[in-house]
Amino acid sequence: QARKEEKKKEREKRLKKLKEQKPDATEEELQEELEEEDEEEEELPPLYIPSPPSPLHCGFYSTPGSFWLSM
């Protein structure tokens, strides 16, 4: 929940900054720009490092829903 509050504050700061940069823009245009920025900032899943780490396996997400495992 603290993360949600942090994101909300960050979004409000970005909105304020956009208003300063584009004072003639409508509220709707500003919201659209914020949504585009949010889409670009997609959060990646946390890394999983087994204990002990395996020198033979390496896995990663190439696209959402696609996972590659190298051996």
Protein backbone atom coordinates (compact mmCIF):
# COMPACT_ATOMS: atom_id res chain seq x y z
CA GLN A 1 0.00 0.00 0.00
CA ALA A 2 2.93 2.33 0.65
CA ARG A 3 4.02 1.70 -2.92
CA LYS A 4 0.62 2.78 -4.22
CA GLU A 5 0.85 6.01 -2.25
CA GLU A 6 4.36 6.59 -3.58
CA LYS A 7 3.20 6.04 -7.17
CA LYS A 8 0.24 8.35 -6.64
CA LYS A 9 2.48 11.15 -5.33
CA GLU A 10 4.90 10.61 -8.22
CA ARG A 11 2.04 10.79 -10.72
CA GLU A 12 0.78 14.04 -9.14
CA LYS A 13 4.28 15.53 -9.43
CA ARG A 14 4.47 14.56 -13.11
CA LEU A 15 1.01 16.05 -13.71
CA LYS A 16 2.06 19.31 -12.07
CA LYS A 17 5.23 19.37 -14.18
CA LEU A 18 3.23 18.78 -17.37
CA LYS A 19 0.86 21.61 -16.44
CA GLU A 20 3.83 23.95 -16.07
CA GLN A 21 5.28 22.85 -19.43
CA LYS A 22 1.96 23.05 -21.28
CA PRO A 23 -0.28 25.60 -19.56
CA ASP A 24 -2.73 25.71 -22.51
CA ALA A 25 -3.29 21.92 -22.58
CA THR A 26 -6.61 20.55 -21.36
CA GLU A 27 -6.86 18.23 -18.37
CA GLU A 28 -7.81 15.40 -20.73
CA GLU A 29 -4.65 15.86 -22.84
CA LEU A 30 -2.49 15.89 -19.73
CA GLN A 31 -4.10 12.68 -18.45
CA GLU A 32 -3.45 11.00 -21.83
CA GLU A 33 0.23 11.94 -21.67
CA LEU A 34 0.51 10.57 -18.14
CA GLU A 35 -1.10 7.29 -19.22
CA GLU A 36 1.38 6.99 -22.10
CA GLU A 37 4.27 7.52 -19.67
CA ASP A 38 2.83 4.91 -17.30
CA GLU A 39 2.62 2.36 -20.11
CA GLU A 40 6.30 2.94 -20.91
CA GLU A 41 7.31 2.34 -17.30
CA GLU A 42 6.16 -1.28 -17.10
CA GLU A 43 7.50 -2.85 -13.93
CA LEU A 44 9.58 -5.99 -14.37
CA PRO A 45 9.12 -9.04 -12.14
CA PRO A 46 11.67 -9.46 -9.34
CA LEU A 47 14.76 -11.51 -10.11
CA TYR A 48 14.92 -15.03 -8.73
CA ILE A 49 18.38 -16.22 -7.74
CA PRO A 50 18.43 -19.78 -6.39
CA SER A 51 20.62 -20.66 -3.48
CA PRO A 52 23.25 -21.75 -4.52
CA PRO A 53 23.10 -20.10 -7.98
CA SER A 54 23.27 -22.50 -10.91
CA PRO A 55 26.05 -21.86 -13.46
CA LEU A 56 24.15 -23.97 -16.02
CA HIS A 57 20.77 -22.24 -16.14
CA CYS A 58 19.79 -18.73 -17.11
CA GLY A 59 16.18 -17.64 -17.57
CA PHE A 60 14.60 -14.39 -18.66
CA TYR A 61 11.35 -12.90 -19.98
CA SER A 62 11.66 -11.82 -23.62
CA THR A 63 8.09 -10.51 -23.89
CA PRO A 64 5.15 -10.58 -21.50
CA GLY A 65 4.16 -14.22 -21.17
CA SER A 66 7.32 -15.59 -22.84
CA PHE A 67 10.10 -17.06 -20.72
CA TRP A 68 13.40 -18.33 -22.13
CA LEU A 69 15.58 -20.83 -20.29
CA SER A 70 19.19 -21.28 -21.40
CA MET A 71 21.11 -24.38 -20.38
